[in-house]
Amino acid sequence: MDAGIGQFIPLILIFVIFYFFLIRPQQKKVKEHKLMVEGLKRGDKVITTGGIVG
């Protein structure tokens, strides 16, 4: 029984590392982007990723 649990520990460890290095930072970027877009109002100057100024 203990050997079965021991096999899952590396898998769980990989998932935790994956979460902290990939998923969590992406969620933070999405949240910051949402706040920035919500803060925009008509007439604000913006530059798109493609370089269009408007």
Protein backbone atom coordinates (compact mmCIF):
# COMPACT_ATOMS: atom_id res chain seq x y z
CA MET A 1 0.00 0.00 0.00
CA ASP A 2 2.79 2.45 0.87
CA ALA A 3 4.55 1.76 -2.44
CA GLY A 4 1.40 2.81 -4.33
CA ILE A 5 1.31 6.19 -2.61
CA GLY A 6 5.04 6.61 -3.17
CA GLN A 7 4.53 6.34 -6.92
CA PHE A 8 2.15 9.29 -6.92
CA ILE A 9 4.41 11.67 -4.98
CA PRO A 10 6.60 12.60 -8.00
CA LEU A 11 3.47 13.12 -10.11
CA ILE A 12 1.94 15.40 -7.49
CA LEU A 13 5.24 17.27 -7.12
CA ILE A 14 5.42 17.86 -10.90
CA PHE A 15 1.84 19.15 -10.89
CA VAL A 16 2.59 21.58 -8.03
CA ILE A 17 5.69 22.90 -9.81
CA PHE A 18 3.72 23.20 -13.07
CA TYR A 19 1.01 25.17 -11.25
CA PHE A 20 3.37 27.66 -9.61
CA PHE A 21 5.55 28.27 -12.68
CA LEU A 22 2.97 28.24 -15.48
CA ILE A 23 -0.67 28.45 -14.43
CA ARG A 24 -0.48 30.96 -11.57
CA PRO A 25 1.56 33.61 -13.45
CA GLN A 26 -0.80 33.33 -16.43
CA GLN A 27 -3.82 33.90 -14.18
CA LYS A 28 -2.11 37.00 -12.78
CA LYS A 29 -1.48 38.39 -16.28
CA VAL A 30 -5.11 37.77 -17.28
CA LYS A 31 -6.32 39.58 -14.14
CA GLU A 32 -4.02 42.57 -14.75
CA HIS A 33 -5.12 42.78 -18.40
CA LYS A 34 -8.79 42.66 -17.40
CA LEU A 35 -8.29 45.51 -14.90
CA MET A 36 -6.44 47.57 -17.53
CA VAL A 37 -9.18 47.06 -20.14
CA GLU A 38 -11.91 47.89 -17.62
CA GLY A 39 -10.05 51.11 -16.78
CA LEU A 40 -10.09 52.33 -20.37
CA LYS A 41 -12.61 54.97 -21.31
CA ARG A 42 -13.67 56.60 -24.54
CA GLY A 43 -10.96 58.90 -25.89
CA ASP A 44 -8.00 57.16 -24.21
CA LYS A 45 -4.92 56.77 -26.40
CA VAL A 46 -3.96 53.14 -26.99
CA ILE A 47 -1.42 51.28 -29.11
CA THR A 48 -2.31 47.75 -30.22
CA THR A 49 0.16 44.89 -30.41
CA GLY A 50 0.21 45.40 -34.18
CA GLY A 51 1.30 49.02 -33.71
CA ILE A 52 -1.98 50.72 -34.58
CA VAL A 53 -2.41 53.97 -32.65
CA GLY A 54 -5.92 54.99 -31.74
